[in-house]
Protein backbone atom coordinates (compact mmCIF):
# COMPACT_ATOMS: atom_id res chain seq x y z
CA MET A 1 104.40 141.72 94.41
CA ILE A 2 101.82 144.27 93.24
CA PRO A 3 102.53 147.71 94.72
CA ARG A 4 99.65 149.82 95.97
CA ARG A 5 99.28 153.58 95.76
CA PHE A 6 100.96 155.34 98.72
CA ASP A 7 102.91 152.24 99.74
CA VAL A 8 106.52 152.92 100.58
CA HIS A 9 108.96 150.46 99.03
CA LEU A 10 112.71 150.21 99.18
CA ILE A 11 113.63 150.54 95.50
CA ALA A 12 116.95 150.06 93.69
CA LEU A 13 117.22 153.25 91.61
CA ASP A 14 120.68 152.62 90.15
CA PRO A 15 121.86 153.03 87.54
CA ALA A 16 120.99 156.73 87.64
CA ARG A 17 122.20 159.48 85.33
CA GLY A 18 123.17 163.09 85.97
CA SER A 19 121.13 164.70 88.74
CA GLU A 20 118.73 161.77 89.23
CA ILE A 21 118.39 160.47 92.78
CA ARG A 22 120.45 157.31 93.02
CA LYS A 23 121.07 154.23 95.14
CA THR A 24 118.53 152.02 96.89
CA ARG A 25 116.11 154.18 98.85
CA PRO A 26 112.51 154.39 100.03
CA CYS A 27 110.03 155.60 97.43
CA VAL A 28 106.31 156.33 97.54
CA VAL A 29 104.18 154.67 94.87
CA VAL A 30 102.08 157.40 93.24
CA SER A 31 100.61 155.51 90.28
CA PRO A 32 96.95 154.50 90.65
CA ASP A 33 96.15 150.95 91.76
CA GLU A 34 94.44 150.24 88.43
CA MET A 35 97.75 150.84 86.64
CA ASN A 36 99.71 148.93 89.27
CA ARG A 37 97.50 145.85 88.83
CA HIS A 38 97.84 145.73 85.04
CA LEU A 39 101.36 146.96 84.30
CA ARG A 40 104.77 145.62 85.33
CA THR A 41 105.83 149.17 86.14
CA ALA A 42 104.92 151.69 88.82
CA ILE A 43 105.38 155.45 89.06
CA VAL A 44 107.27 156.34 92.22
CA ALA A 45 108.62 159.39 94.01
CA PRO A 46 111.86 158.94 95.97
CA MET A 47 112.05 159.94 99.61
CA THR A 48 115.05 161.89 100.85
CA SER A 49 116.32 162.95 104.25
CA THR A 50 117.85 166.07 102.69
CA VAL A 51 115.29 168.82 103.26
CA LYS A 52 115.34 171.39 100.46
CA GLY A 53 111.92 172.95 101.01
CA TYR A 54 111.21 173.05 97.27
CA PRO A 55 107.53 173.51 96.35
CA SER A 56 107.71 170.15 94.53
CA ARG A 57 108.59 168.31 97.74
CA ILE A 58 106.26 167.09 100.47
CA PRO A 59 107.56 166.95 104.05
CA LEU A 60 106.96 163.73 105.96
CA SER A 61 108.02 161.56 108.86
CA PHE A 62 108.40 157.87 108.14
CA GLY A 63 110.03 155.12 110.12
CA GLY A 64 111.30 157.56 112.72
CA ASN A 65 113.05 159.73 110.10
CA SER A 66 112.12 163.14 108.75
CA GLY A 67 112.49 164.09 105.13
CA GLU A 68 110.66 164.87 101.94
CA VAL A 69 108.94 163.09 99.08
CA ALA A 70 110.69 164.38 95.93
CA LEU A 71 107.88 164.83 93.41
CA ASP A 72 110.38 166.57 91.13
CA GLN A 73 112.14 163.19 90.77
CA LEU A 74 109.19 161.01 89.62
CA ARG A 75 110.29 157.79 87.94
CA THR A 76 108.66 154.84 86.31
CA VAL A 77 110.32 151.64 87.55
CA ASP A 78 109.87 147.98 86.77
CA ARG A 79 108.59 145.88 89.67
CA GLU A 80 111.93 144.03 89.63
CA ARG A 81 113.45 147.13 91.25
CA LEU A 82 111.17 146.80 94.31
CA VAL A 83 113.29 145.34 97.09
CA LYS A 84 110.95 145.40 100.09
CA ARG A 85 107.66 146.97 101.21
CA LEU A 86 108.28 149.28 104.18
CA GLY A 87 104.75 150.49 104.93
CA VAL A 88 102.39 153.23 103.82
CA VAL A 89 102.43 157.02 104.18
CA GLU A 90 99.99 158.77 106.50
CA PRO A 91 96.67 159.91 104.96
CA ASP A 92 97.58 163.62 105.27
CA VAL A 93 100.81 163.00 103.33
CA ALA A 94 98.89 161.05 100.66
CA THR A 95 96.45 163.96 100.31
CA ALA A 96 99.32 166.45 100.07
CA ILE A 97 101.03 164.34 97.39
CA CYS A 98 97.86 164.22 95.26
CA GLY A 99 97.24 167.95 95.66
CA ARG A 100 100.80 168.86 94.73
CA LEU A 101 100.78 166.58 91.68
CA VAL A 102 97.60 168.29 90.47
CA GLU A 103 99.27 171.69 90.96
CA MET A 104 102.41 170.55 89.14
CA PHE A 105 100.61 169.21 86.07
CA ARG A 106 97.83 171.79 85.81
CA GLU A 107 98.03 174.07 82.79
């Protein structure tokens, strides 16, 4: 399965270390489709139902649940960790993710 940018996949994140988000949970694919097509890995941001309100987190509603996309917990995962595709985030959430990533990595 080739993930697409802004798809939401259930991803097995364990084993995790320290303060990393753990267990199998929904994640948003943030890596560009060009990378996703050519590499066996994808860059993802876990979703959490724990709302912290950090500037590095994007609020969203998905699958009837509210939560945040944790851009402060970006991970590169092998496609073998992808359990199941759950859908895609709304366009306004995708735009917010891109904007926040630019802010985070700007000099």
